[in-house]
C-alpha atoms as a PDB file:
ATOM      1  CA  MET A   1     -33.536  56.686  57.235  1.00  0.00           C
ATOM      2  CA  ALA A   2     -35.910  56.268  60.174  1.00  0.00           C
ATOM      3  CA  ASN A   3     -34.164  56.073  63.514  1.00  0.00           C
ATOM      4  CA  SER A   4     -30.792  56.900  62.016  1.00  0.00           C
ATOM      5  CA  GLU A   5     -28.363  59.706  62.580  1.00  0.00           C
ATOM      6  CA  TYR A   6     -29.680  61.297  59.357  1.00  0.00           C
ATOM      7  CA  GLU A   7     -33.312  61.594  60.563  1.00  0.00           C
ATOM      8  CA  TYR A   8     -32.723  65.352  60.896  1.00  0.00           C
ATOM      9  CA  VAL A   9     -32.588  65.566  57.067  1.00  0.00           C
ATOM     10  CA  LYS A  10     -36.248  64.529  56.822  1.00  0.00           C
ATOM     11  CA  ARG A  11     -37.304  66.713  59.734  1.00  0.00           C
ATOM     12  CA  GLU A  12     -35.527  69.835  58.534  1.00  0.00           C
ATOM     13  CA  PHE A  13     -35.538  69.634  54.768  1.00  0.00           C
ATOM     14  CA  GLU A  14     -38.610  67.678  53.645  1.00  0.00           C
ATOM     15  CA  PHE A  15     -41.833  69.618  53.507  1.00  0.00           C
ATOM     16  CA  ASP A  16     -45.161  69.687  51.663  1.00  0.00           C
ATOM     17  CA  ARG A  17     -45.262  72.575  49.266  1.00  0.00           C
ATOM     18  CA  CYS A  18     -46.742  73.066  45.820  1.00  0.00           C
ATOM     19  CA  LEU A  19     -45.063  74.802  42.920  1.00  0.00           C
ATOM     20  CA  PRO A  20     -46.768  77.813  41.478  1.00  0.00           C
ATOM     21  CA  PRO A  21     -48.321  77.226  38.036  1.00  0.00           C
ATOM     22  CA  SER A  22     -46.143  77.512  34.921  1.00  0.00           C
ATOM     23  CA  ASN A  23     -42.937  76.439  36.579  1.00  0.00           C
ATOM     24  CA  TRP A  24     -40.500  74.058  34.911  1.00  0.00           C
ATOM     25  CA  ILE A  25     -39.470  70.995  36.830  1.00  0.00           C
ATOM     26  CA  VAL A  26     -36.194  69.344  35.844  1.00  0.00           C
ATOM     27  CA  VAL A  27     -35.666  65.697  36.770  1.00  0.00           C
ATOM     28  CA  ARG A  28     -32.368  63.915  36.287  1.00  0.00           C
ATOM     29  CA  ILE A  29     -32.654  60.158  36.200  1.00  0.00           C
ATOM     30  CA  ASP A  30     -29.361  58.472  36.720  1.00  0.00           C
ATOM     31  CA  GLY A  31     -28.490  54.793  36.814  1.00  0.00           C
ATOM     32  CA  CYS A  32     -25.776  53.004  38.618  1.00  0.00           C
ATOM     33  CA  HIS A  33     -23.487  50.125  37.657  1.00  0.00           C
ATOM     34  CA  PHE A  34     -24.240  50.558  33.944  1.00  0.00           C
ATOM     35  CA  HIS A  35     -20.981  48.793  33.191  1.00  0.00           C
ATOM     36  CA  ARG A  36     -22.323  45.630  34.923  1.00  0.00           C
ATOM     37  CA  PHE A  37     -25.630  45.907  33.030  1.00  0.00           C
ATOM     38  CA  SER A  38     -23.698  46.335  29.783  1.00  0.00           C
ATOM     39  CA  LYS A  39     -21.513  43.341  30.439  1.00  0.00           C
ATOM     40  CA  LYS A  40     -24.486  41.157  31.410  1.00  0.00           C
ATOM     41  CA  HIS A  41     -26.299  42.087  28.187  1.00  0.00           C
ATOM     42  CA  ASP A  42     -23.179  41.947  26.068  1.00  0.00           C
ATOM     43  CA  PHE A  43     -23.409  45.531  24.821  1.00  0.00           C
ATOM     44  CA  LYS A  44     -20.621  46.454  22.458  1.00  0.00           C
ATOM     45  CA  LYS A  45     -18.592  49.606  22.901  1.00  0.00           C
ATOM     46  CA  PRO A  46     -18.972  52.285  21.780  1.00  0.00           C
ATOM     47  CA  ASN A  47     -22.732  52.901  21.321  1.00  0.00           C
ATOM     48  CA  ASP A  48     -24.262  49.462  21.113  1.00  0.00           C
ATOM     49  CA  GLU A  49     -27.430  49.788  19.030  1.00  0.00           C
ATOM     50  CA  ASN A  50     -29.504  47.643  21.410  1.00  0.00           C
ATOM     51  CA  ALA A  51     -28.385  49.760  24.411  1.00  0.00           C
ATOM     52  CA  LEU A  52     -29.183  52.990  22.594  1.00  0.00           C
ATOM     53  CA  ASN A  53     -32.581  51.688  21.528  1.00  0.00           C
ATOM     54  CA  LEU A  54     -33.288  50.618  25.105  1.00  0.00           C
ATOM     55  CA  MET A  55     -32.452  54.063  26.486  1.00  0.00           C
ATOM     56  CA  ASN A  56     -34.471  55.790  23.728  1.00  0.00           C
ATOM     57  CA  ASP A  57     -37.451  53.537  24.401  1.00  0.00           C
ATOM     58  CA  CYS A  58     -37.236  54.283  28.136  1.00  0.00           C
ATOM     59  CA  ALA A  59     -37.221  58.057  27.467  1.00  0.00           C
ATOM     60  CA  THR A  60     -40.054  57.661  25.001  1.00  0.00           C
ATOM     61  CA  ALA A  61     -42.106  55.654  27.481  1.00  0.00           C
ATOM     62  CA  MET A  62     -41.671  58.425  30.061  1.00  0.00           C
ATOM     63  CA  LEU A  63     -42.880  61.003  27.506  1.00  0.00           C
ATOM     64  CA  GLU A  64     -45.927  58.856  26.705  1.00  0.00           C
ATOM     65  CA  LYS A  65     -46.768  58.068  30.333  1.00  0.00           C
ATOM     66  CA  PHE A  66     -46.451  61.634  31.520  1.00  0.00           C
ATOM     67  CA  PRO A  67     -47.820  63.921  28.779  1.00  0.00           C
ATOM     68  CA  ASP A  68     -46.729  67.076  30.630  1.00  0.00           C
ATOM     69  CA  ILE A  69     -43.091  66.199  29.939  1.00  0.00           C
ATOM     70  CA  VAL A  70     -42.036  68.227  26.935  1.00  0.00           C
ATOM     71  CA  PHE A  71     -38.372  67.283  26.551  1.00  0.00           C
ATOM     72  CA  ALA A  72     -36.203  64.226  27.187  1.00  0.00           C
ATOM     73  CA  TYR A  73     -32.445  64.264  26.693  1.00  0.00           C
ATOM     74  CA  GLY A  74     -29.902  61.546  27.188  1.00  0.00           C
ATOM     75  CA  VAL A  75     -26.224  62.137  27.752  1.00  0.00           C
ATOM     76  CA  SER A  76     -23.532  59.814  28.977  1.00  0.00           C
ATOM     77  CA  ASP A  77     -20.351  58.154  27.803  1.00  0.00           C
ATOM     78  CA  GLU A  78     -22.606  55.176  26.932  1.00  0.00           C
ATOM     79  CA  TYR A  79     -25.395  57.258  25.351  1.00  0.00           C
ATOM     80  CA  ARG A  80     -25.153  59.540  22.338  1.00  0.00           C
ATOM     81  CA  TYR A  81     -28.659  60.129  21.008  1.00  0.00           C
ATOM     82  CA  ASP A  82     -31.218  62.813  21.908  1.00  0.00           C
ATOM     83  CA  ILE A  83     -34.978  62.398  22.018  1.00  0.00           C
ATOM     84  CA  LEU A  84     -37.178  65.444  21.514  1.00  0.00           C
ATOM     85  CA  THR A  85     -40.907  65.859  21.374  1.00  0.00           C
END
């Protein structure tokens, strides 16, 4: 974004601030071109077991790597299982 017409976004909207204790942070992780990834790995529709296991394993890995995460949830037209801790 440096030296672009959108440099103002960084100047005006990015800042260093800390959240007060005991606040919840919600992070949405979204992929792109999942249809290409599915085709490359020959995932079957709907709800390929390997694809579901991969997404569950990714969410579980995030929960294990960051112990402060208390909840992971997956939702998509390709994803139908929930993971809870």
